N, C-alpha and C. Protein backbone atom coordinates (compact mmCIF):
# COMPACT_ATOMS: atom_id res chain seq x y z
N MET A 1 -14.94 14.03 -25.80
CA MET A 1 -14.74 14.57 -24.46
C MET A 1 -14.12 15.96 -24.57
N ILE A 2 -14.61 16.87 -23.80
CA ILE A 2 -14.04 18.21 -23.76
C ILE A 2 -12.79 18.17 -22.89
N GLN A 3 -11.73 18.75 -23.39
CA GLN A 3 -10.47 18.78 -22.64
C GLN A 3 -10.55 19.83 -21.55
N PRO A 4 -10.52 19.42 -20.28
CA PRO A 4 -10.53 20.41 -19.21
C PRO A 4 -9.20 21.16 -19.14
N VAL A 5 -9.24 22.34 -18.63
CA VAL A 5 -8.04 23.14 -18.44
C VAL A 5 -7.81 23.27 -16.94
N TYR A 6 -6.63 22.85 -16.49
CA TYR A 6 -6.30 22.90 -15.08
C TYR A 6 -5.26 23.98 -14.84
N PRO A 7 -5.23 24.52 -13.62
CA PRO A 7 -4.16 25.47 -13.30
C PRO A 7 -2.80 24.79 -13.48
N SER A 8 -1.85 25.50 -14.02
CA SER A 8 -0.53 24.90 -14.27
C SER A 8 0.43 25.23 -13.14
N VAL A 9 1.40 24.36 -12.99
CA VAL A 9 2.45 24.51 -11.99
C VAL A 9 3.71 24.98 -12.72
N HIS A 10 4.32 26.03 -12.24
CA HIS A 10 5.58 26.48 -12.83
C HIS A 10 6.72 25.66 -12.24
N HIS A 11 7.53 25.09 -13.12
CA HIS A 11 8.63 24.25 -12.68
C HIS A 11 9.70 24.24 -13.76
N SER A 12 10.86 23.66 -13.44
CA SER A 12 11.96 23.62 -14.40
C SER A 12 12.24 22.20 -14.91
N TYR A 13 11.35 21.25 -14.64
CA TYR A 13 11.55 19.89 -15.12
C TYR A 13 11.37 19.80 -16.63
N CYS A 14 12.01 18.84 -17.26
CA CYS A 14 11.89 18.64 -18.71
C CYS A 14 10.54 18.06 -19.11
N TYR A 15 10.01 17.15 -18.29
CA TYR A 15 8.78 16.45 -18.62
C TYR A 15 7.71 16.73 -17.57
N GLU A 16 6.47 16.83 -18.06
CA GLU A 16 5.32 16.93 -17.18
C GLU A 16 4.22 16.08 -17.77
N LEU A 17 3.60 15.27 -16.96
CA LEU A 17 2.43 14.53 -17.42
C LEU A 17 1.29 14.77 -16.46
N ASN A 18 0.10 14.63 -17.00
CA ASN A 18 -1.12 14.79 -16.23
C ASN A 18 -2.01 13.59 -16.46
N LYS A 19 -2.55 13.05 -15.40
CA LYS A 19 -3.46 11.92 -15.48
C LYS A 19 -4.81 12.32 -14.90
N ASP A 20 -5.86 12.23 -15.73
CA ASP A 20 -7.22 12.44 -15.27
C ASP A 20 -7.79 11.09 -14.86
N LEU A 21 -8.56 11.08 -13.78
CA LEU A 21 -9.25 9.87 -13.37
C LEU A 21 -10.46 10.26 -12.54
N GLN A 22 -11.34 9.31 -12.35
CA GLN A 22 -12.50 9.55 -11.50
C GLN A 22 -12.73 8.33 -10.63
N PHE A 23 -13.38 8.59 -9.49
CA PHE A 23 -13.77 7.49 -8.61
C PHE A 23 -15.01 7.92 -7.85
N ALA A 24 -15.84 6.95 -7.51
CA ALA A 24 -17.05 7.20 -6.74
C ALA A 24 -16.79 6.77 -5.31
N ALA A 25 -17.08 7.67 -4.38
CA ALA A 25 -16.85 7.34 -2.97
C ALA A 25 -17.82 8.12 -2.10
N ALA A 26 -18.10 7.56 -0.94
CA ALA A 26 -18.93 8.23 0.06
C ALA A 26 -18.03 8.72 1.19
N HIS A 27 -18.52 9.69 1.92
CA HIS A 27 -17.81 10.18 3.09
C HIS A 27 -18.75 11.00 3.94
N TYR A 28 -18.27 11.35 5.11
CA TYR A 28 -18.94 12.32 5.96
C TYR A 28 -17.82 13.09 6.65
N VAL A 29 -18.13 14.31 7.05
CA VAL A 29 -17.14 15.14 7.75
C VAL A 29 -17.59 15.20 9.21
N PRO A 30 -16.84 14.55 10.11
CA PRO A 30 -17.27 14.41 11.51
C PRO A 30 -17.02 15.67 12.36
N ALA A 31 -17.64 16.78 11.93
CA ALA A 31 -17.54 18.03 12.69
C ALA A 31 -18.92 18.69 12.66
N ASP A 32 -19.36 19.19 13.80
CA ASP A 32 -20.67 19.84 13.86
C ASP A 32 -20.77 21.00 12.88
N SER A 33 -19.69 21.70 12.65
CA SER A 33 -19.70 22.85 11.74
C SER A 33 -19.78 22.46 10.27
N ALA A 34 -19.75 21.16 9.96
CA ALA A 34 -19.79 20.70 8.57
C ALA A 34 -21.21 20.75 7.99
N GLY A 35 -22.20 21.04 8.80
CA GLY A 35 -23.57 21.14 8.29
C GLY A 35 -24.04 19.83 7.69
N LYS A 36 -24.64 19.91 6.48
CA LYS A 36 -25.16 18.71 5.82
C LYS A 36 -24.06 17.69 5.52
N CYS A 37 -22.83 18.15 5.39
CA CYS A 37 -21.72 17.23 5.08
C CYS A 37 -21.39 16.31 6.26
N ARG A 38 -21.99 16.56 7.41
CA ARG A 38 -21.80 15.68 8.56
C ARG A 38 -22.46 14.33 8.32
N LYS A 39 -23.46 14.30 7.45
CA LYS A 39 -24.17 13.05 7.14
C LYS A 39 -23.45 12.32 6.01
N LEU A 40 -23.54 11.00 6.04
CA LEU A 40 -22.94 10.18 4.99
C LEU A 40 -23.58 10.53 3.65
N HIS A 41 -22.74 10.80 2.65
CA HIS A 41 -23.18 11.13 1.30
C HIS A 41 -22.07 10.77 0.33
N GLY A 42 -22.38 10.77 -0.95
CA GLY A 42 -21.38 10.35 -1.93
C GLY A 42 -21.14 11.35 -3.03
N HIS A 43 -20.03 11.16 -3.73
CA HIS A 43 -19.62 12.01 -4.85
C HIS A 43 -18.98 11.14 -5.93
N THR A 44 -19.01 11.65 -7.13
CA THR A 44 -18.13 11.13 -8.17
C THR A 44 -17.01 12.15 -8.26
N TYR A 45 -15.86 11.79 -7.73
CA TYR A 45 -14.71 12.69 -7.72
C TYR A 45 -13.99 12.64 -9.06
N PHE A 46 -13.53 13.77 -9.52
CA PHE A 46 -12.69 13.87 -10.71
C PHE A 46 -11.35 14.42 -10.26
N ALA A 47 -10.28 13.71 -10.56
CA ALA A 47 -8.94 14.12 -10.14
C ALA A 47 -8.04 14.30 -11.35
N ASN A 48 -7.12 15.23 -11.23
CA ASN A 48 -6.04 15.39 -12.19
C ASN A 48 -4.76 15.41 -11.38
N ILE A 49 -3.83 14.53 -11.74
CA ILE A 49 -2.56 14.40 -11.03
C ILE A 49 -1.46 14.89 -11.96
N THR A 50 -0.64 15.82 -11.48
CA THR A 50 0.48 16.35 -12.27
C THR A 50 1.78 15.80 -11.72
N VAL A 51 2.54 15.14 -12.59
CA VAL A 51 3.85 14.56 -12.23
C VAL A 51 4.89 15.14 -13.18
N ALA A 52 6.06 15.46 -12.64
CA ALA A 52 7.12 16.01 -13.48
C ALA A 52 8.46 15.40 -13.10
N GLY A 53 9.41 15.48 -14.03
CA GLY A 53 10.75 14.98 -13.79
C GLY A 53 11.64 15.22 -15.00
N ASP A 54 12.88 14.88 -14.84
CA ASP A 54 13.87 15.11 -15.91
C ASP A 54 14.28 13.84 -16.64
N THR A 55 13.99 12.66 -16.05
CA THR A 55 14.51 11.41 -16.59
C THR A 55 13.38 10.42 -16.83
N LEU A 56 13.42 9.76 -17.97
CA LEU A 56 12.44 8.73 -18.29
C LEU A 56 12.96 7.37 -17.82
N ASP A 57 12.04 6.43 -17.59
CA ASP A 57 12.45 5.10 -17.15
C ASP A 57 12.84 4.23 -18.35
N ASP A 58 13.12 2.96 -18.10
CA ASP A 58 13.59 2.08 -19.17
C ASP A 58 12.53 1.75 -20.22
N ALA A 59 11.26 2.12 -19.95
CA ALA A 59 10.19 1.96 -20.94
C ALA A 59 9.91 3.27 -21.67
N GLY A 60 10.66 4.32 -21.32
CA GLY A 60 10.44 5.63 -21.94
C GLY A 60 9.34 6.43 -21.28
N PHE A 61 8.93 6.03 -20.07
CA PHE A 61 7.89 6.73 -19.32
C PHE A 61 8.51 7.59 -18.22
N LEU A 62 7.85 8.69 -17.92
CA LEU A 62 8.14 9.39 -16.67
C LEU A 62 7.54 8.55 -15.54
N VAL A 63 6.29 8.17 -15.72
CA VAL A 63 5.59 7.18 -14.88
C VAL A 63 4.47 6.62 -15.75
N ASN A 64 4.17 5.36 -15.59
CA ASN A 64 3.12 4.73 -16.37
C ASN A 64 1.76 5.25 -15.91
N PHE A 65 0.96 5.77 -16.83
CA PHE A 65 -0.36 6.30 -16.50
C PHE A 65 -1.20 5.27 -15.75
N SER A 66 -1.10 4.00 -16.15
CA SER A 66 -1.93 2.96 -15.52
C SER A 66 -1.58 2.78 -14.04
N GLU A 67 -0.33 3.02 -13.67
CA GLU A 67 0.06 2.92 -12.26
C GLU A 67 -0.60 4.00 -11.43
N LEU A 68 -0.69 5.20 -11.98
CA LEU A 68 -1.34 6.29 -11.25
C LEU A 68 -2.82 5.96 -11.03
N LYS A 69 -3.47 5.47 -12.07
CA LYS A 69 -4.88 5.11 -11.93
C LYS A 69 -5.05 4.00 -10.90
N ARG A 70 -4.21 2.97 -10.98
CA ARG A 70 -4.31 1.84 -10.06
C ARG A 70 -4.18 2.31 -8.61
N LEU A 71 -3.20 3.15 -8.34
CA LEU A 71 -2.97 3.63 -6.97
C LEU A 71 -4.21 4.25 -6.35
N ILE A 72 -4.90 5.07 -7.11
CA ILE A 72 -6.02 5.82 -6.57
C ILE A 72 -7.34 5.07 -6.74
N HIS A 73 -7.59 4.57 -7.93
CA HIS A 73 -8.87 3.94 -8.21
C HIS A 73 -9.08 2.70 -7.35
N GLU A 74 -8.10 1.83 -7.26
CA GLU A 74 -8.26 0.61 -6.46
C GLU A 74 -8.44 0.90 -4.98
N ARG A 75 -7.86 1.98 -4.52
CA ARG A 75 -7.94 2.30 -3.10
C ARG A 75 -9.25 2.98 -2.72
N PHE A 76 -9.74 3.89 -3.58
CA PHE A 76 -10.85 4.74 -3.18
C PHE A 76 -12.18 4.47 -3.89
N ASP A 77 -12.17 3.86 -5.08
CA ASP A 77 -13.42 3.72 -5.83
C ASP A 77 -14.40 2.80 -5.10
N HIS A 78 -15.64 3.27 -4.98
CA HIS A 78 -16.73 2.54 -4.34
C HIS A 78 -16.40 2.17 -2.89
N THR A 79 -15.89 3.15 -2.18
CA THR A 79 -15.60 2.97 -0.76
C THR A 79 -16.26 4.07 0.06
N VAL A 80 -16.24 3.89 1.37
CA VAL A 80 -16.54 4.97 2.31
C VAL A 80 -15.17 5.46 2.78
N LEU A 81 -14.81 6.66 2.40
CA LEU A 81 -13.46 7.17 2.69
C LEU A 81 -13.13 7.10 4.17
N ASN A 82 -14.10 7.39 5.03
CA ASN A 82 -13.85 7.37 6.48
C ASN A 82 -13.40 6.00 6.98
N ASP A 83 -13.72 4.95 6.23
CA ASP A 83 -13.31 3.59 6.64
C ASP A 83 -11.82 3.33 6.39
N ASP A 84 -11.17 4.16 5.59
CA ASP A 84 -9.73 4.01 5.30
C ASP A 84 -8.95 4.66 6.45
N LYS A 85 -8.73 3.88 7.49
CA LYS A 85 -8.10 4.42 8.72
C LYS A 85 -6.62 4.74 8.53
N GLU A 86 -6.01 4.22 7.50
CA GLU A 86 -4.62 4.57 7.22
C GLU A 86 -4.52 6.01 6.70
N SER A 87 -5.54 6.44 5.98
CA SER A 87 -5.52 7.77 5.37
C SER A 87 -6.32 8.81 6.14
N PHE A 88 -7.39 8.38 6.78
CA PHE A 88 -8.32 9.33 7.40
C PHE A 88 -8.59 8.96 8.85
N ASP A 89 -8.98 9.96 9.65
CA ASP A 89 -9.21 9.75 11.07
C ASP A 89 -10.34 10.67 11.52
N ASP A 90 -11.42 10.09 12.03
CA ASP A 90 -12.57 10.86 12.47
C ASP A 90 -12.31 11.70 13.72
N ASN A 91 -11.14 11.53 14.34
CA ASN A 91 -10.80 12.29 15.55
C ASN A 91 -9.78 13.39 15.31
N ASP A 92 -9.28 13.53 14.09
CA ASP A 92 -8.24 14.51 13.77
C ASP A 92 -8.70 15.37 12.59
N PRO A 93 -9.03 16.64 12.81
CA PRO A 93 -9.51 17.50 11.73
C PRO A 93 -8.55 17.59 10.53
N ASN A 94 -7.27 17.38 10.76
CA ASN A 94 -6.31 17.39 9.67
C ASN A 94 -6.38 16.12 8.82
N ARG A 95 -7.20 15.15 9.29
CA ARG A 95 -7.33 13.89 8.55
C ARG A 95 -8.79 13.52 8.29
N PHE A 96 -9.73 14.49 8.46
CA PHE A 96 -11.11 14.27 8.03
C PHE A 96 -11.09 14.17 6.51
N PRO A 97 -11.95 13.34 5.91
CA PRO A 97 -11.92 13.20 4.44
C PRO A 97 -12.64 14.36 3.71
N THR A 98 -12.17 15.56 3.94
CA THR A 98 -12.65 16.73 3.20
C THR A 98 -11.98 16.72 1.82
N THR A 99 -12.44 17.54 0.94
CA THR A 99 -11.82 17.62 -0.39
C THR A 99 -10.35 17.97 -0.27
N GLU A 100 -10.03 18.89 0.63
CA GLU A 100 -8.64 19.30 0.81
C GLU A 100 -7.76 18.14 1.27
N VAL A 101 -8.24 17.40 2.25
CA VAL A 101 -7.45 16.29 2.79
C VAL A 101 -7.37 15.13 1.79
N VAL A 102 -8.44 14.88 1.05
CA VAL A 102 -8.39 13.82 0.05
C VAL A 102 -7.38 14.19 -1.04
N ALA A 103 -7.37 15.44 -1.47
CA ALA A 103 -6.39 15.88 -2.48
C ALA A 103 -4.96 15.70 -1.96
N ARG A 104 -4.72 16.11 -0.72
CA ARG A 104 -3.38 15.94 -0.13
C ARG A 104 -3.01 14.46 -0.02
N THR A 105 -3.97 13.64 0.39
CA THR A 105 -3.73 12.21 0.53
C THR A 105 -3.38 11.58 -0.81
N ILE A 106 -4.08 11.95 -1.87
CA ILE A 106 -3.76 11.44 -3.20
C ILE A 106 -2.34 11.81 -3.56
N CYS A 107 -1.95 13.05 -3.32
CA CYS A 107 -0.59 13.50 -3.62
C CYS A 107 0.43 12.67 -2.83
N GLU A 108 0.18 12.43 -1.57
CA GLU A 108 1.09 11.66 -0.74
C GLU A 108 1.21 10.22 -1.23
N LEU A 109 0.09 9.60 -1.58
CA LEU A 109 0.12 8.22 -2.09
C LEU A 109 0.90 8.13 -3.39
N VAL A 110 0.67 9.08 -4.28
CA VAL A 110 1.39 9.09 -5.55
C VAL A 110 2.88 9.29 -5.31
N GLN A 111 3.23 10.24 -4.44
CA GLN A 111 4.65 10.51 -4.21
C GLN A 111 5.36 9.33 -3.58
N ARG A 112 4.69 8.62 -2.67
CA ARG A 112 5.30 7.41 -2.10
C ARG A 112 5.65 6.41 -3.19
N HIS A 113 4.75 6.26 -4.16
CA HIS A 113 5.01 5.36 -5.28
C HIS A 113 6.18 5.89 -6.11
N LEU A 114 6.17 7.17 -6.42
CA LEU A 114 7.23 7.76 -7.24
C LEU A 114 8.59 7.66 -6.57
N ASP A 115 8.61 7.74 -5.25
CA ASP A 115 9.88 7.65 -4.51
C ASP A 115 10.56 6.30 -4.72
N GLY A 116 9.80 5.28 -5.10
CA GLY A 116 10.37 3.97 -5.35
C GLY A 116 10.88 3.78 -6.76
N LEU A 117 10.72 4.79 -7.60
CA LEU A 117 11.17 4.69 -8.99
C LEU A 117 12.58 5.25 -9.14
N ALA A 118 13.38 4.61 -9.96
CA ALA A 118 14.77 5.03 -10.15
C ALA A 118 14.89 6.43 -10.73
N ASN A 119 13.93 6.85 -11.56
CA ASN A 119 14.03 8.17 -12.20
C ASN A 119 13.51 9.31 -11.33
N GLN A 120 12.94 9.00 -10.16
CA GLN A 120 12.55 9.96 -9.13
C GLN A 120 11.69 11.14 -9.60
N PRO A 121 10.57 10.89 -10.27
CA PRO A 121 9.68 12.00 -10.61
C PRO A 121 8.99 12.55 -9.36
N ARG A 122 8.36 13.72 -9.49
CA ARG A 122 7.71 14.39 -8.36
C ARG A 122 6.24 14.64 -8.68
N CYS A 123 5.39 14.44 -7.69
CA CYS A 123 3.98 14.83 -7.81
C CYS A 123 3.90 16.31 -7.45
N LEU A 124 3.59 17.14 -8.43
CA LEU A 124 3.59 18.58 -8.22
C LEU A 124 2.23 19.14 -7.82
N GLN A 125 1.17 18.44 -8.19
CA GLN A 125 -0.15 19.01 -7.94
C GLN A 125 -1.22 17.94 -8.08
N VAL A 126 -2.26 18.07 -7.25
CA VAL A 126 -3.47 17.27 -7.40
C VAL A 126 -4.65 18.24 -7.42
N TYR A 127 -5.42 18.15 -8.48
CA TYR A 127 -6.66 18.91 -8.64
C TYR A 127 -7.77 17.91 -8.38
N LEU A 128 -8.65 18.21 -7.43
CA LEU A 128 -9.72 17.28 -7.09
C LEU A 128 -11.05 18.00 -7.10
N ARG A 129 -11.92 17.58 -8.01
CA ARG A 129 -13.28 18.13 -8.11
C ARG A 129 -14.23 17.19 -7.38
N GLU A 130 -14.97 17.76 -6.41
CA GLU A 130 -15.92 16.97 -5.63
C GLU A 130 -17.34 17.10 -6.20
N THR A 131 -17.69 18.27 -6.69
CA THR A 131 -18.99 18.53 -7.30
C THR A 131 -18.75 19.36 -8.56
N PRO A 132 -19.78 19.55 -9.37
CA PRO A 132 -19.59 20.38 -10.56
C PRO A 132 -19.14 21.81 -10.26
N THR A 133 -19.38 22.29 -9.03
CA THR A 133 -19.04 23.67 -8.70
C THR A 133 -17.97 23.82 -7.62
N SER A 134 -17.41 22.70 -7.15
CA SER A 134 -16.45 22.77 -6.05
C SER A 134 -15.24 21.87 -6.29
N TYR A 135 -14.06 22.46 -6.14
CA TYR A 135 -12.83 21.68 -6.29
C TYR A 135 -11.76 22.23 -5.38
N CYS A 136 -10.70 21.45 -5.22
CA CYS A 136 -9.54 21.84 -4.42
C CYS A 136 -8.29 21.56 -5.25
N LEU A 137 -7.31 22.40 -5.06
CA LEU A 137 -6.01 22.22 -5.69
C LEU A 137 -4.98 22.08 -4.57
N TYR A 138 -4.24 20.98 -4.57
CA TYR A 138 -3.20 20.77 -3.56
C TYR A 138 -1.84 20.72 -4.25
N ARG A 139 -0.92 21.54 -3.74
CA ARG A 139 0.47 21.53 -4.20
C ARG A 139 1.38 21.42 -2.99
N PRO A 140 2.17 20.34 -2.91
CA PRO A 140 3.10 20.23 -1.78
C PRO A 140 4.17 21.30 -1.84
N LYS A 141 4.59 21.73 -0.69
CA LYS A 141 5.68 22.71 -0.65
C LYS A 141 6.97 22.05 -1.14
N GLY A 142 7.85 22.81 -1.74
CA GLY A 142 9.10 22.28 -2.27
C GLY A 142 9.90 21.53 -1.24
N GLY A 143 10.41 20.39 -1.65
CA GLY A 143 11.27 19.60 -0.76
C GLY A 143 10.51 18.71 0.21
N GLU A 144 9.18 18.83 0.25
CA GLU A 144 8.39 18.03 1.17
C GLU A 144 8.44 16.56 0.74
N ARG A 145 8.70 15.67 1.67
CA ARG A 145 8.78 14.24 1.40
C ARG A 145 7.84 13.50 2.33
N TRP A 146 7.32 12.33 1.84
CA TRP A 146 6.45 11.52 2.69
C TRP A 146 7.07 10.19 2.95
């Protein structure tokens, strides 16, 4: 496998980990201006999640890689994203399942999980590739909590 290179986040944490994962999902963008994307279609999404922190847990992990995969893969793989009403809303453009909103949603889901960990790591960035030529990078503003 060729090692992809992702944009890096500048931070002062001691540890940084990145988890690559993929999931297959369908979606549509419920806006007339979305053109062909208004119709139901699917993608194999490739995501990279960046987590950082200063303290390891009792197993020596910042966060277990398998937990990051479970959070995203079990929720989104082989689904129609628009059907996930907790994450997406066909009536609110800020919650249409666009690449930008899906990247933000992944970051929020990961951070909610991290907030429950004693060592309090932070999700610094989500890189989400929707097609071979199109991707989005989401970085929460400092101090933002979900």
